[in-house]
Amino acid sequence: MIAKFKNIATVAVAAALLGSTVSFAAAAKDMNDWRREVVSEISKKQTYPRSALSAEIEGKAKVRLTVAPDGAITASEIIEPTGQQVLDDEIPQLINRLNPLPSLPEGQAALTFVLPLTWSLD
């Protein structure tokens, strides 16, 4: 390993779910289970670029994702870049590695949400 780091993860997945209403307890549980699966996938697939590690570069970004019912990421937009080119270049690569995400809960239409990402050395 080039350098030790403790935190490379998302802060929260569905801080803002757009266009989605969960009105029943079972549906809410299904959506919470889905969010946990997504967080797990992100933690497995998010990497820290070697050049960012060696230069001790950190950053936070926000990405708007649209996910189809089958989990396919149909749209992505960096709405708040890290300001660090090496980390910003990693974001589309991460989205490609994540695609597809787990399927949405049954009956859930396409979902758009903001995904916060963090690259931190502490």
PDB file of N, CA and C in Angstrom:
ATOM      1  N   MET A   1       0.846  -1.175   0.000  1.00  0.00           N
ATOM      2  CA  MET A   1       0.000   0.000   0.000  1.00  0.00           C
ATOM      3  C   MET A   1       0.889   1.235   0.000  1.00  0.00           C
ATOM      4  N   ILE A   2       0.533   2.217  -0.805  1.00  0.00           N
ATOM      5  CA  ILE A   2       1.329   3.426  -0.930  1.00  0.00           C
ATOM      6  C   ILE A   2       1.260   4.267   0.334  1.00  0.00           C
ATOM      7  N   ALA A   3       0.080   4.458   0.847  1.00  0.00           N
ATOM      8  CA  ALA A   3      -0.093   5.263   2.052  1.00  0.00           C
ATOM      9  C   ALA A   3      -1.299   4.735   2.808  1.00  0.00           C
ATOM     10  N   LYS A   4      -1.307   4.992   4.089  1.00  0.00           N
ATOM     11  CA  LYS A   4      -2.446   4.566   4.894  1.00  0.00           C
ATOM     12  C   LYS A   4      -3.497   5.663   4.880  1.00  0.00           C
ATOM     13  N   PHE A   5      -4.724   5.245   4.804  1.00  0.00           N
ATOM     14  CA  PHE A   5      -5.831   6.173   4.936  1.00  0.00           C
ATOM     15  C   PHE A   5      -6.992   5.432   5.558  1.00  0.00           C
ATOM     16  N   LYS A   6      -7.770   6.143   6.350  1.00  0.00           N
ATOM     17  CA  LYS A   6      -8.871   5.519   7.069  1.00  0.00           C
ATOM     18  C   LYS A   6     -10.208   5.721   6.369  1.00  0.00           C
ATOM     19  N   ASN A   7     -10.424   6.892   5.802  1.00  0.00           N
ATOM     20  CA  ASN A   7     -11.772   7.220   5.354  1.00  0.00           C
ATOM     21  C   ASN A   7     -11.822   7.464   3.860  1.00  0.00           C
ATOM     22  N   ILE A   8     -12.440   6.547   3.146  1.00  0.00           N
ATOM     23  CA  ILE A   8     -12.740   6.759   1.733  1.00  0.00           C
ATOM     24  C   ILE A   8     -14.130   6.188   1.527  1.00  0.00           C
ATOM     25  N   ALA A   9     -15.126   7.008   1.682  1.00  0.00           N
ATOM     26  CA  ALA A   9     -16.493   6.504   1.632  1.00  0.00           C
ATOM     27  C   ALA A   9     -17.459   7.623   1.341  1.00  0.00           C
ATOM     28  N   THR A  10     -18.681   7.249   1.108  1.00  0.00           N
ATOM     29  CA  THR A  10     -19.742   8.233   0.969  1.00  0.00           C
ATOM     30  C   THR A  10     -20.227   8.617   2.345  1.00  0.00           C
ATOM     31  N   VAL A  11     -20.677   9.827   2.468  1.00  0.00           N
ATOM     32  CA  VAL A  11     -21.220  10.289   3.738  1.00  0.00           C
ATOM     33  C   VAL A  11     -22.640   9.768   3.909  1.00  0.00           C
ATOM     34  N   ALA A  12     -23.433   9.895   2.889  1.00  0.00           N
ATOM     35  CA  ALA A  12     -24.807   9.386   2.901  1.00  0.00           C
ATOM     36  C   ALA A  12     -25.268   9.300   1.464  1.00  0.00           C
ATOM     37  N   VAL A  13     -26.082   8.330   1.154  1.00  0.00           N
ATOM     38  CA  VAL A  13     -26.494   8.159  -0.230  1.00  0.00           C
ATOM     39  C   VAL A  13     -27.712   8.999  -0.569  1.00  0.00           C
ATOM     40  N   ALA A  14     -28.748   8.877   0.165  1.00  0.00           N
ATOM     41  CA  ALA A  14     -29.988   9.517  -0.245  1.00  0.00           C
ATOM     42  C   ALA A  14     -30.312  10.725   0.611  1.00  0.00           C
ATOM     43  N   ALA A  15     -29.387  11.651   0.696  1.00  0.00           N
ATOM     44  CA  ALA A  15     -29.633  12.858   1.458  1.00  0.00           C
ATOM     45  C   ALA A  15     -30.800  13.623   0.847  1.00  0.00           C
ATOM     46  N   ALA A  16     -30.913  13.543  -0.458  1.00  0.00           N
ATOM     47  CA  ALA A  16     -32.026  14.208  -1.129  1.00  0.00           C
ATOM     48  C   ALA A  16     -32.571  13.292  -2.207  1.00  0.00           C
ATOM     49  N   LEU A  17     -33.668  12.659  -1.937  1.00  0.00           N
ATOM     50  CA  LEU A  17     -34.332  11.836  -2.947  1.00  0.00           C
ATOM     51  C   LEU A  17     -35.314  12.742  -3.678  1.00  0.00           C
ATOM     52  N   LEU A  18     -35.109  12.877  -4.977  1.00  0.00           N
ATOM     53  CA  LEU A  18     -35.965  13.751  -5.759  1.00  0.00           C
ATOM     54  C   LEU A  18     -37.012  12.930  -6.490  1.00  0.00           C
ATOM     55  N   GLY A  19     -38.240  13.368  -6.448  1.00  0.00           N
ATOM     56  CA  GLY A  19     -39.306  12.717  -7.187  1.00  0.00           C
ATOM     57  C   GLY A  19     -39.707  11.369  -6.638  1.00  0.00           C
ATOM     58  N   SER A  20     -39.460  11.118  -5.379  1.00  0.00           N
ATOM     59  CA  SER A  20     -39.793   9.825  -4.797  1.00  0.00           C
ATOM     60  C   SER A  20     -40.539  10.042  -3.498  1.00  0.00           C
ATOM     61  N   THR A  21     -41.648   9.356  -3.355  1.00  0.00           N
ATOM     62  CA  THR A  21     -42.403   9.405  -2.116  1.00  0.00           C
ATOM     63  C   THR A  21     -42.566   7.986  -1.606  1.00  0.00           C
ATOM     64  N   VAL A  22     -42.157   7.767  -0.374  1.00  0.00           N
ATOM     65  CA  VAL A  22     -42.317   6.454   0.244  1.00  0.00           C
ATOM     66  C   VAL A  22     -43.388   6.615   1.307  1.00  0.00           C
ATOM     67  N   SER A  23     -44.536   5.954   1.095  1.00  0.00           N
ATOM     68  CA  SER A  23     -45.657   6.213   1.984  1.00  0.00           C
ATOM     69  C   SER A  23     -46.017   5.051   2.897  1.00  0.00           C
ATOM     70  N   PHE A  24     -45.492   3.876   2.674  1.00  0.00           N
ATOM     71  CA  PHE A  24     -45.827   2.736   3.508  1.00  0.00           C
ATOM     72  C   PHE A  24     -44.579   2.227   4.209  1.00  0.00           C
ATOM     73  N   ALA A  25     -44.765   1.667   5.397  1.00  0.00           N
ATOM     74  CA  ALA A  25     -43.629   1.180   6.186  1.00  0.00           C
ATOM     75  C   ALA A  25     -42.816   0.139   5.424  1.00  0.00           C
ATOM     76  N   ALA A  26     -43.481  -0.781   4.740  1.00  0.00           N
ATOM     77  CA  ALA A  26     -42.758  -1.821   3.994  1.00  0.00           C
ATOM     78  C   ALA A  26     -41.934  -1.203   2.874  1.00  0.00           C
ATOM     79  N   ALA A  27     -42.507  -0.230   2.176  1.00  0.00           N
ATOM     80  CA  ALA A  27     -41.779   0.432   1.093  1.00  0.00           C
ATOM     81  C   ALA A  27     -40.583   1.197   1.653  1.00  0.00           C
ATOM     82  N   ALA A  28     -40.764   1.832   2.802  1.00  0.00           N
ATOM     83  CA  ALA A  28     -39.660   2.563   3.427  1.00  0.00           C
ATOM     84  C   ALA A  28     -38.541   1.604   3.814  1.00  0.00           C
ATOM     85  N   LYS A  29     -38.904   0.441   4.351  1.00  0.00           N
ATOM     86  CA  LYS A  29     -37.894  -0.551   4.713  1.00  0.00           C
ATOM     87  C   LYS A  29     -37.152  -1.025   3.471  1.00  0.00           C
ATOM     88  N   ASP A  30     -37.889  -1.291   2.387  1.00  0.00           N
ATOM     89  CA  ASP A  30     -37.249  -1.712   1.142  1.00  0.00           C
ATOM     90  C   ASP A  30     -36.278  -0.651   0.641  1.00  0.00           C
ATOM     91  N   MET A  31     -36.682   0.618   0.705  1.00  0.00           N
ATOM     92  CA  MET A  31     -35.816   1.699   0.238  1.00  0.00           C
ATOM     93  C   MET A  31     -34.595   1.831   1.143  1.00  0.00           C
ATOM     94  N   ASN A  32     -34.778   1.681   2.451  1.00  0.00           N
ATOM     95  CA  ASN A  32     -33.631   1.733   3.363  1.00  0.00           C
ATOM     96  C   ASN A  32     -32.665   0.589   3.088  1.00  0.00           C
ATOM     97  N   ASP A  33     -33.204  -0.596   2.823  1.00  0.00           N
ATOM     98  CA  ASP A  33     -32.349  -1.734   2.466  1.00  0.00           C
ATOM     99  C   ASP A  33     -31.577  -1.434   1.179  1.00  0.00           C
ATOM    100  N   TRP A  34     -32.251  -0.845   0.195  1.00  0.00           N
ATOM    101  CA  TRP A  34     -31.602  -0.495  -1.067  1.00  0.00           C
ATOM    102  C   TRP A  34     -30.467   0.501  -0.826  1.00  0.00           C
ATOM    103  N   ARG A  35     -30.736   1.526  -0.015  1.00  0.00           N
ATOM    104  CA  ARG A  35     -29.699   2.528   0.284  1.00  0.00           C
ATOM    105  C   ARG A  35     -28.482   1.874   0.936  1.00  0.00           C
ATOM    106  N   ARG A  36     -28.719   0.932   1.857  1.00  0.00           N
ATOM    107  CA  ARG A  36     -27.595   0.238   2.502  1.00  0.00           C
ATOM    108  C   ARG A  36     -26.783  -0.547   1.473  1.00  0.00           C
ATOM    109  N   GLU A  37     -27.472  -1.198   0.541  1.00  0.00           N
ATOM    110  CA  GLU A  37     -26.773  -1.942  -0.515  1.00  0.00           C
ATOM    111  C   GLU A  37     -25.929  -1.001  -1.372  1.00  0.00           C
ATOM    112  N   VAL A  38     -26.487   0.163  -1.695  1.00  0.00           N
ATOM    113  CA  VAL A  38     -25.763   1.135  -2.517  1.00  0.00           C
ATOM    114  C   VAL A  38     -24.531   1.644  -1.775  1.00  0.00           C
ATOM    115  N   VAL A  39     -24.677   1.978  -0.508  1.00  0.00           N
ATOM    116  CA  VAL A  39     -23.528   2.433   0.285  1.00  0.00           C
ATOM    117  C   VAL A  39     -22.449   1.360   0.309  1.00  0.00           C
ATOM    118  N   SER A  40     -22.845   0.110   0.460  1.00  0.00           N
ATOM    119  CA  SER A  40     -21.889  -0.996   0.465  1.00  0.00           C
ATOM    120  C   SER A  40     -21.157  -1.090  -0.872  1.00  0.00           C
ATOM    121  N   GLU A  41     -21.892  -0.979  -1.972  1.00  0.00           N
ATOM    122  CA  GLU A  41     -21.268  -1.033  -3.301  1.00  0.00           C
ATOM    123  C   GLU A  41     -20.280   0.110  -3.493  1.00  0.00           C
ATOM    124  N   ILE A  42     -20.661   1.301  -3.059  1.00  0.00           N
ATOM    125  CA  ILE A  42     -19.774   2.453  -3.212  1.00  0.00           C
ATOM    126  C   ILE A  42     -18.509   2.255  -2.396  1.00  0.00           C
ATOM    127  N   SER A  43     -18.648   1.784  -1.166  1.00  0.00           N
ATOM    128  CA  SER A  43     -17.455   1.598  -0.328  1.00  0.00           C
ATOM    129  C   SER A  43     -16.516   0.548  -0.915  1.00  0.00           C
ATOM    130  N   LYS A  44     -17.058  -0.423  -1.651  1.00  0.00           N
ATOM    131  CA  LYS A  44     -16.217  -1.437  -2.294  1.00  0.00           C
ATOM    132  C   LYS A  44     -15.530  -0.903  -3.546  1.00  0.00           C
ATOM    133  N   LYS A  45     -16.191   0.000  -4.253  1.00  0.00           N
ATOM    134  CA  LYS A  45     -15.719   0.389  -5.583  1.00  0.00           C
ATOM    135  C   LYS A  45     -15.070   1.765  -5.660  1.00  0.00           C
ATOM    136  N   GLN A  46     -15.215   2.573  -4.618  1.00  0.00           N
ATOM    137  CA  GLN A  46     -14.573   3.884  -4.634  1.00  0.00           C
ATOM    138  C   GLN A  46     -13.093   3.699  -4.329  1.00  0.00           C
ATOM    139  N   THR A  47     -12.255   4.241  -5.175  1.00  0.00           N
ATOM    140  CA  THR A  47     -10.813   4.127  -4.975  1.00  0.00           C
ATOM    141  C   THR A  47     -10.203   5.504  -4.756  1.00  0.00           C
ATOM    142  N   TYR A  48      -9.021   5.484  -4.190  1.00  0.00           N
ATOM    143  CA  TYR A  48      -8.266   6.716  -3.965  1.00  0.00           C
ATOM    144  C   TYR A  48      -7.147   6.716  -4.993  1.00  0.00           C
ATOM    145  N   PRO A  49      -7.151   7.638  -5.953  1.00  0.00           N
ATOM    146  CA  PRO A  49      -6.094   7.645  -6.961  1.00  0.00           C
ATOM    147  C   PRO A  49      -4.705   7.711  -6.313  1.00  0.00           C
ATOM    148  N   ARG A  50      -3.777   6.917  -6.845  1.00  0.00           N
ATOM    149  CA  ARG A  50      -2.428   6.857  -6.263  1.00  0.00           C
ATOM    150  C   ARG A  50      -1.763   8.222  -6.192  1.00  0.00           C
ATOM    151  N   SER A  51      -1.920   9.007  -7.249  1.00  0.00           N
ATOM    152  CA  SER A  51      -1.276  10.324  -7.246  1.00  0.00           C
ATOM    153  C   SER A  51      -1.884  11.235  -6.184  1.00  0.00           C
ATOM    154  N   ALA A  52      -3.173  11.082  -5.904  1.00  0.00           N
ATOM    155  CA  ALA A  52      -3.811  11.872  -4.848  1.00  0.00           C
ATOM    156  C   ALA A  52      -3.329  11.415  -3.477  1.00  0.00           C
ATOM    157  N   LEU A  53      -3.156  10.109  -3.319  1.00  0.00           N
ATOM    158  CA  LEU A  53      -2.622   9.587  -2.054  1.00  0.00           C
ATOM    159  C   LEU A  53      -1.220  10.112  -1.795  1.00  0.00           C
ATOM    160  N   SER A  54      -0.361   9.985  -2.794  1.00  0.00           N
ATOM    161  CA  SER A  54       1.036  10.385  -2.582  1.00  0.00           C
ATOM    162  C   SER A  54       1.167  11.888  -2.358  1.00  0.00           C
ATOM    163  N   ALA A  55       0.267  12.674  -2.944  1.00  0.00           N
ATOM    164  CA  ALA A  55       0.300  14.126  -2.748  1.00  0.00           C
ATOM    165  C   ALA A  55      -0.576  14.565  -1.574  1.00  0.00           C
ATOM    166  N   GLU A  56      -1.188  13.583  -0.887  1.00  0.00           N
ATOM    167  CA  GLU A  56      -2.069  13.840   0.252  1.00  0.00           C
ATOM    168  C   GLU A  56      -3.200  14.810  -0.098  1.00  0.00           C
ATOM    169  N   ILE A  57      -3.813  14.574  -1.259  1.00  0.00           N
ATOM    170  CA  ILE A  57      -4.929  15.396  -1.725  1.00  0.00           C
ATOM    171  C   ILE A  57      -6.236  14.802  -1.207  1.00  0.00           C
ATOM    172  N   GLU A  58      -7.075  15.657  -0.652  1.00  0.00           N
ATOM    173  CA  GLU A  58      -8.385  15.256  -0.153  1.00  0.00           C
ATOM    174  C   GLU A  58      -9.456  16.071  -0.873  1.00  0.00           C
ATOM    175  N   GLY A  59     -10.695  15.609  -0.795  1.00  0.00           N
ATOM    176  CA  GLY A  59     -11.758  16.390  -1.405  1.00  0.00           C
ATOM    177  C   GLY A  59     -13.127  15.791  -1.186  1.00  0.00           C
ATOM    178  N   LYS A  60     -14.126  16.630  -1.419  1.00  0.00           N
ATOM    179  CA  LYS A  60     -15.528  16.227  -1.337  1.00  0.00           C
ATOM    180  C   LYS A  60     -16.209  16.671  -2.620  1.00  0.00           C
ATOM    181  N   ALA A  61     -17.144  15.852  -3.080  1.00  0.00           N
ATOM    182  CA  ALA A  61     -17.900  16.168  -4.287  1.00  0.00           C
ATOM    183  C   ALA A  61     -19.343  15.741  -4.100  1.00  0.00           C
ATOM    184  N   LYS A  62     -20.203  16.255  -4.974  1.00  0.00           N
ATOM    185  CA  LYS A  62     -21.596  15.820  -5.020  1.00  0.00           C
ATOM    186  C   LYS A  62     -21.937  15.515  -6.466  1.00  0.00           C
ATOM    187  N   VAL A  63     -22.584  14.361  -6.650  1.00  0.00           N
ATOM    188  CA  VAL A  63     -22.957  13.899  -7.979  1.00  0.00           C
ATOM    189  C   VAL A  63     -24.451  13.594  -7.989  1.00  0.00           C
ATOM    190  N   ARG A  64     -25.154  14.135  -8.984  1.00  0.00           N
ATOM    191  CA  ARG A  64     -26.574  13.809  -9.144  1.00  0.00           C
ATOM    192  C   ARG A  64     -26.664  12.583 -10.042  1.00  0.00           C
ATOM    193  N   LEU A  65     -27.328  11.545  -9.552  1.00  0.00           N
ATOM    194  CA  LEU A  65     -27.501  10.306 -10.310  1.00  0.00           C
ATOM    195  C   LEU A  65     -28.980  10.055 -10.555  1.00  0.00           C
ATOM    196  N   THR A  66     -29.281   9.513 -11.721  1.00  0.00           N
ATOM    197  CA  THR A  66     -30.615   9.005 -12.010  1.00  0.00           C
ATOM    198  C   THR A  66     -30.471   7.514 -12.248  1.00  0.00           C
ATOM    199  N   VAL A  67     -31.282   6.745 -11.528  1.00  0.00           N
ATOM    200  CA  VAL A  67     -31.201   5.286 -11.571  1.00  0.00           C
ATOM    201  C   VAL A  67     -32.538   4.729 -12.059  1.00  0.00           C
ATOM    202  N   ALA A  68     -32.479   3.837 -13.051  1.00  0.00           N
ATOM    203  CA  ALA A  68     -33.671   3.158 -13.567  1.00  0.00           C
ATOM    204  C   ALA A  68     -34.085   2.060 -12.593  1.00  0.00           C
ATOM    205  N   PRO A  69     -35.309   1.573 -12.701  1.00  0.00           N
ATOM    206  CA  PRO A  69     -35.763   0.510 -11.796  1.00  0.00           C
ATOM    207  C   PRO A  69     -34.846  -0.714 -11.765  1.00  0.00           C
ATOM    208  N   ASP A  70     -34.183  -1.022 -12.886  1.00  0.00           N
ATOM    209  CA  ASP A  70     -33.282  -2.183 -12.921  1.00  0.00           C
ATOM    210  C   ASP A  70     -31.902  -1.885 -12.336  1.00  0.00           C
ATOM    211  N   GLY A  71     -31.690  -0.655 -11.845  1.00  0.00           N
ATOM    212  CA  GLY A  71     -30.423  -0.280 -11.234  1.00  0.00           C
ATOM    213  C   GLY A  71     -29.453   0.411 -12.176  1.00  0.00           C
ATOM    214  N   ALA A  72     -29.778   0.458 -13.455  1.00  0.00           N
ATOM    215  CA  ALA A  72     -28.891   1.118 -14.416  1.00  0.00           C
ATOM    216  C   ALA A  72     -28.821   2.612 -14.117  1.00  0.00           C
ATOM    217  N   ILE A  73     -27.611   3.143 -14.095  1.00  0.00           N
ATOM    218  CA  ILE A  73     -27.429   4.584 -13.935  1.00  0.00           C
ATOM    219  C   ILE A  73     -27.646   5.194 -15.314  1.00  0.00           C
ATOM    220  N   THR A  74     -28.722   5.955 -15.454  1.00  0.00           N
ATOM    221  CA  THR A  74     -29.080   6.502 -16.761  1.00  0.00           C
ATOM    222  C   THR A  74     -28.593   7.929 -16.964  1.00  0.00           C
ATOM    223  N   ALA A  75     -28.218   8.603 -15.881  1.00  0.00           N
ATOM    224  CA  ALA A  75     -27.686   9.961 -15.988  1.00  0.00           C
ATOM    225  C   ALA A  75     -26.839  10.255 -14.763  1.00  0.00           C
ATOM    226  N   SER A  76     -25.793  11.038 -14.983  1.00  0.00           N
ATOM    227  CA  SER A  76     -24.967  11.497 -13.861  1.00  0.00           C
ATOM    228  C   SER A  76     -24.449  12.886 -14.185  1.00  0.00           C
ATOM    229  N   GLU A  77     -24.329  13.699 -13.144  1.00  0.00           N
ATOM    230  CA  GLU A  77     -23.841  15.064 -13.304  1.00  0.00           C
ATOM    231  C   GLU A  77     -23.087  15.449 -12.040  1.00  0.00           C
ATOM    232  N   ILE A  78     -21.864  15.907 -12.205  1.00  0.00           N
ATOM    233  CA  ILE A  78     -21.109  16.418 -11.062  1.00  0.00           C
ATOM    234  C   ILE A  78     -21.656  17.807 -10.771  1.00  0.00           C
ATOM    235  N   ILE A  79     -22.330  17.949  -9.644  1.00  0.00           N
ATOM    236  CA  ILE A  79     -22.926  19.247  -9.319  1.00  0.00           C
ATOM    237  C   ILE A  79     -22.046  20.062  -8.377  1.00  0.00           C
ATOM    238  N   GLU A  80     -21.110  19.388  -7.725  1.00  0.00           N
ATOM    239  CA  GLU A  80     -20.148  20.081  -6.866  1.00  0.00           C
ATOM    240  C   GLU A  80     -18.823  19.329  -6.957  1.00  0.00           C
ATOM    241  N   PRO A  81     -17.897  19.798  -7.814  1.00  0.00           N
ATOM    242  CA  PRO A  81     -16.614  19.108  -7.945  1.00  0.00           C
ATOM    243  C   PRO A  81     -15.749  19.312  -6.705  1.00  0.00           C
ATOM    244  N   THR A  82     -14.728  18.474  -6.580  1.00  0.00           N
ATOM    245  CA  THR A  82     -13.806  18.597  -5.447  1.00  0.00           C
ATOM    246  C   THR A  82     -12.889  19.802  -5.596  1.00  0.00           C
ATOM    247  N   GLY A  83     -12.660  20.210  -6.840  1.00  0.00           N
ATOM    248  CA  GLY A  83     -11.685  21.268  -7.091  1.00  0.00           C
ATOM    249  C   GLY A  83     -10.284  20.712  -7.267  1.00  0.00           C
ATOM    250  N   GLN A  84     -10.144  19.405  -7.128  1.00  0.00           N
ATOM    251  CA  GLN A  84      -8.866  18.716  -7.322  1.00  0.00           C
ATOM    252  C   GLN A  84      -9.002  17.854  -8.580  1.00  0.00           C
ATOM    253  N   GLN A  85      -8.268  18.196  -9.634  1.00  0.00           N
ATOM    254  CA  GLN A  85      -8.430  17.531 -10.924  1.00  0.00           C
ATOM    255  C   GLN A  85      -8.329  16.015 -10.827  1.00  0.00           C
ATOM    256  N   VAL A  86      -7.365  15.523 -10.066  1.00  0.00           N
ATOM    257  CA  VAL A  86      -7.167  14.073  -9.969  1.00  0.00           C
ATOM    258  C   VAL A  86      -8.388  13.381  -9.358  1.00  0.00           C
ATOM    259  N   LEU A  87      -9.020  14.004  -8.391  1.00  0.00           N
ATOM    260  CA  LEU A  87     -10.223  13.423  -7.782  1.00  0.00           C
ATOM    261  C   LEU A  87     -11.439  13.600  -8.690  1.00  0.00           C
ATOM    262  N   ASP A  88     -11.550  14.769  -9.319  1.00  0.00           N
ATOM    263  CA  ASP A  88     -12.668  14.998 -10.235  1.00  0.00           C
ATOM    264  C   ASP A  88     -12.615  14.039 -11.420  1.00  0.00           C
ATOM    265  N   ASP A  89     -11.410  13.702 -11.879  1.00  0.00           N
ATOM    266  CA  ASP A  89     -11.260  12.728 -12.969  1.00  0.00           C
ATOM    267  C   ASP A  89     -11.666  11.323 -12.532  1.00  0.00           C
ATOM    268  N   GLU A  90     -11.591  11.039 -11.250  1.00  0.00           N
ATOM    269  CA  GLU A  90     -11.956   9.723 -10.717  1.00  0.00           C
ATOM    270  C   GLU A  90     -13.477   9.525 -10.674  1.00  0.00           C
ATOM    271  N   ILE A  91     -14.229  10.604 -10.576  1.00  0.00           N
ATOM    272  CA  ILE A  91     -15.682  10.490 -10.402  1.00  0.00           C
ATOM    273  C   ILE A  91     -16.360   9.735 -11.547  1.00  0.00           C
ATOM    274  N   PRO A  92     -16.137  10.096 -12.824  1.00  0.00           N
ATOM    275  CA  PRO A  92     -16.795   9.324 -13.896  1.00  0.00           C
ATOM    276  C   PRO A  92     -16.364   7.858 -13.914  1.00  0.00           C
ATOM    277  N   GLN A  93     -15.119   7.601 -13.551  1.00  0.00           N
ATOM    278  CA  GLN A  93     -14.651   6.215 -13.487  1.00  0.00           C
ATOM    279  C   GLN A  93     -15.392   5.446 -12.395  1.00  0.00           C
ATOM    280  N   LEU A  94     -15.607   6.092 -11.254  1.00  0.00           N
ATOM    281  CA  LEU A  94     -16.375   5.467 -10.174  1.00  0.00           C
ATOM    282  C   LEU A  94     -17.800   5.175 -10.632  1.00  0.00           C
ATOM    283  N   ILE A  95     -18.427   6.131 -11.299  1.00  0.00           N
ATOM    284  CA  ILE A  95     -19.797   5.930 -11.782  1.00  0.00           C
ATOM    285  C   ILE A  95     -19.844   4.724 -12.719  1.00  0.00           C
ATOM    286  N   ASN A  96     -18.854   4.598 -13.601  1.00  0.00           N
ATOM    287  CA  ASN A  96     -18.798   3.438 -14.505  1.00  0.00           C
ATOM    288  C   ASN A  96     -18.657   2.131 -13.733  1.00  0.00           C
ATOM    289  N   ARG A  97     -17.828   2.127 -12.679  1.00  0.00           N
ATOM    290  CA  ARG A  97     -17.659   0.905 -11.880  1.00  0.00           C
ATOM    291  C   ARG A  97     -18.933   0.552 -11.118  1.00  0.00           C
ATOM    292  N   LEU A  98     -19.688   1.559 -10.720  1.00  0.00           N
ATOM    293  CA  LEU A  98     -20.918   1.332  -9.957  1.00  0.00           C
ATOM    294  C   LEU A  98     -22.078   0.859 -10.830  1.00  0.00           C
ATOM    295  N   ASN A  99     -22.014   1.131 -12.108  1.00  0.00           N
ATOM    296  CA  ASN A  99     -23.133   0.850 -13.008  1.00  0.00           C
ATOM    297  C   ASN A  99     -23.146  -0.600 -13.446  1.00  0.00           C
ATOM    298  N   PRO A 100     -24.203  -1.348 -13.147  1.00  0.00           N
ATOM    299  CA  PRO A 100     -25.439  -0.897 -12.520  1.00  0.00           C
ATOM    300  C   PRO A 100     -25.379  -0.996 -10.996  1.00  0.00           C
ATOM    301  N   LEU A 101     -26.220  -0.200 -10.373  1.00  0.00           N
ATOM    302  CA  LEU A 101     -26.445  -0.313  -8.934  1.00  0.00           C
ATOM    303  C   LEU A 101     -27.447  -1.441  -8.704  1.00  0.00           C
ATOM    304  N   PRO A 102     -27.681  -1.821  -7.447  1.00  0.00           N
ATOM    305  CA  PRO A 102     -28.734  -2.813  -7.191  1.00  0.00           C
ATOM    306  C   PRO A 102     -30.077  -2.314  -7.740  1.00  0.00           C
ATOM    307  N   SER A 103     -30.922  -3.233  -8.143  1.00  0.00           N
ATOM    308  CA  SER A 103     -32.262  -2.871  -8.629  1.00  0.00           C
ATOM    309  C   SER A 103     -33.021  -2.136  -7.540  1.00  0.00           C
ATOM    310  N   LEU A 104     -33.836  -1.177  -7.955  1.00  0.00           N
ATOM    311  CA  LEU A 104     -34.675  -0.450  -7.007  1.00  0.00           C
ATOM    312  C   LEU A 104     -35.744  -1.387  -6.445  1.00  0.00           C
ATOM    313  N   PRO A 105     -36.293  -1.053  -5.286  1.00  0.00           N
ATOM    314  CA  PRO A 105     -37.372  -1.873  -4.731  1.00  0.00           C
ATOM    315  C   PRO A 105     -38.527  -1.984  -5.732  1.00  0.00           C
ATOM    316  N   GLU A 106     -39.215  -3.109  -5.685  1.00  0.00           N
ATOM    317  CA  GLU A 106     -40.327  -3.352  -6.607  1.00  0.00           C
ATOM    318  C   GLU A 106     -41.341  -2.216  -6.547  1.00  0.00           C
ATOM    319  N   GLY A 107     -41.753  -1.771  -7.712  1.00  0.00           N
ATOM    320  CA  GLY A 107     -42.737  -0.701  -7.795  1.00  0.00           C
ATOM    321  C   GLY A 107     -42.142   0.693  -7.767  1.00  0.00           C
ATOM    322  N   GLN A 108     -40.856   0.809  -7.508  1.00  0.00           N
ATOM    323  CA  GLN A 108     -40.197   2.116  -7.451  1.00  0.00           C
ATOM    324  C   GLN A 108     -39.846   2.561  -8.866  1.00  0.00           C
ATOM    325  N   ALA A 109     -40.295   3.739  -9.229  1.00  0.00           N
ATOM    326  CA  ALA A 109     -39.962   4.306 -10.535  1.00  0.00           C
ATOM    327  C   ALA A 109     -38.509   4.774 -10.515  1.00  0.00           C
ATOM    328  N   ALA A 110     -38.051   5.260 -11.638  1.00  0.00           N
ATOM    329  CA  ALA A 110     -36.698   5.811 -11.711  1.00  0.00           C
ATOM    330  C   ALA A 110     -36.496   6.808 -10.574  1.00  0.00           C
ATOM    331  N   LEU A 111     -35.279   6.889 -10.099  1.00  0.00           N
ATOM    332  CA  LEU A 111     -34.971   7.672  -8.913  1.00  0.00           C
ATOM    333  C   LEU A 111     -33.789   8.584  -9.204  1.00  0.00           C
ATOM    334  N   THR A 112     -33.910   9.849  -8.817  1.00  0.00           N
ATOM    335  CA  THR A 112     -32.812  10.802  -8.934  1.00  0.00           C
ATOM    336  C   THR A 112     -32.442  11.251  -7.531  1.00  0.00           C
ATOM    337  N   PHE A 113     -31.144  11.225  -7.225  1.00  0.00           N
ATOM    338  CA  PHE A 113     -30.683  11.628  -5.902  1.00  0.00           C
ATOM    339  C   PHE A 113     -29.279  12.205  -6.001  1.00  0.00           C
ATOM    340  N   VAL A 114     -28.862  12.885  -4.953  1.00  0.00           N
ATOM    341  CA  VAL A 114     -27.522  13.461  -4.889  1.00  0.00           C
ATOM    342  C   VAL A 114     -26.652  12.556  -4.034  1.00  0.00           C
ATOM    343  N   LEU A 115     -25.535  12.160  -4.615  1.00  0.00           N
ATOM    344  CA  LEU A 115     -24.581  11.278  -3.951  1.00  0.00           C
ATOM    345  C   LEU A 115     -23.382  12.095  -3.484  1.00  0.00           C
ATOM    346  N   PRO A 116     -23.186  12.242  -2.172  1.00  0.00           N
ATOM    347  CA  PRO A 116     -21.989  12.918  -1.683  1.00  0.00           C
ATOM    348  C   PRO A 116     -20.817  11.934  -1.645  1.00  0.00           C
ATOM    349  N   LEU A 117     -19.663  12.374  -2.107  1.00  0.00           N
ATOM    350  CA  LEU A 117     -18.453  11.546  -2.108  1.00  0.00           C
ATOM    351  C   LEU A 117     -17.363  12.257  -1.322  1.00  0.00           C
ATOM    352  N   THR A 118     -16.560  11.484  -0.604  1.00  0.00           N
ATOM    353  CA  THR A 118     -15.466  12.044   0.183  1.00  0.00           C
ATOM    354  C   THR A 118     -14.210  11.222  -0.017  1.00  0.00           C
ATOM    355  N   TRP A 119     -13.102  11.905  -0.240  1.00  0.00           N
ATOM    356  CA  TRP A 119     -11.779  11.287  -0.227  1.00  0.00           C
ATOM    357  C   TRP A 119     -11.026  11.972   0.908  1.00  0.00           C
ATOM    358  N   SER A 120     -10.725  11.210   1.956  1.00  0.00           N
ATOM    359  CA  SER A 120     -10.106  11.779   3.150  1.00  0.00           C
ATOM    360  C   SER A 120      -9.005  10.853   3.649  1.00  0.00           C
ATOM    361  N   LEU A 121      -7.906  11.429   4.082  1.00  0.00           N
ATOM    362  CA  LEU A 121      -6.763  10.648   4.553  1.00  0.00           C
ATOM    363  C   LEU A 121      -6.819  10.341   6.043  1.00  0.00           C
ATOM    364  N   ASP A 122      -7.702  10.980   6.804  1.00  0.00           N
ATOM    365  CA  ASP A 122      -7.707  10.727   8.252  1.00  0.00           C
ATOM    366  C   ASP A 122      -8.692   9.696   8.669  1.00  0.00           C
TER     367      ASP A 122
END
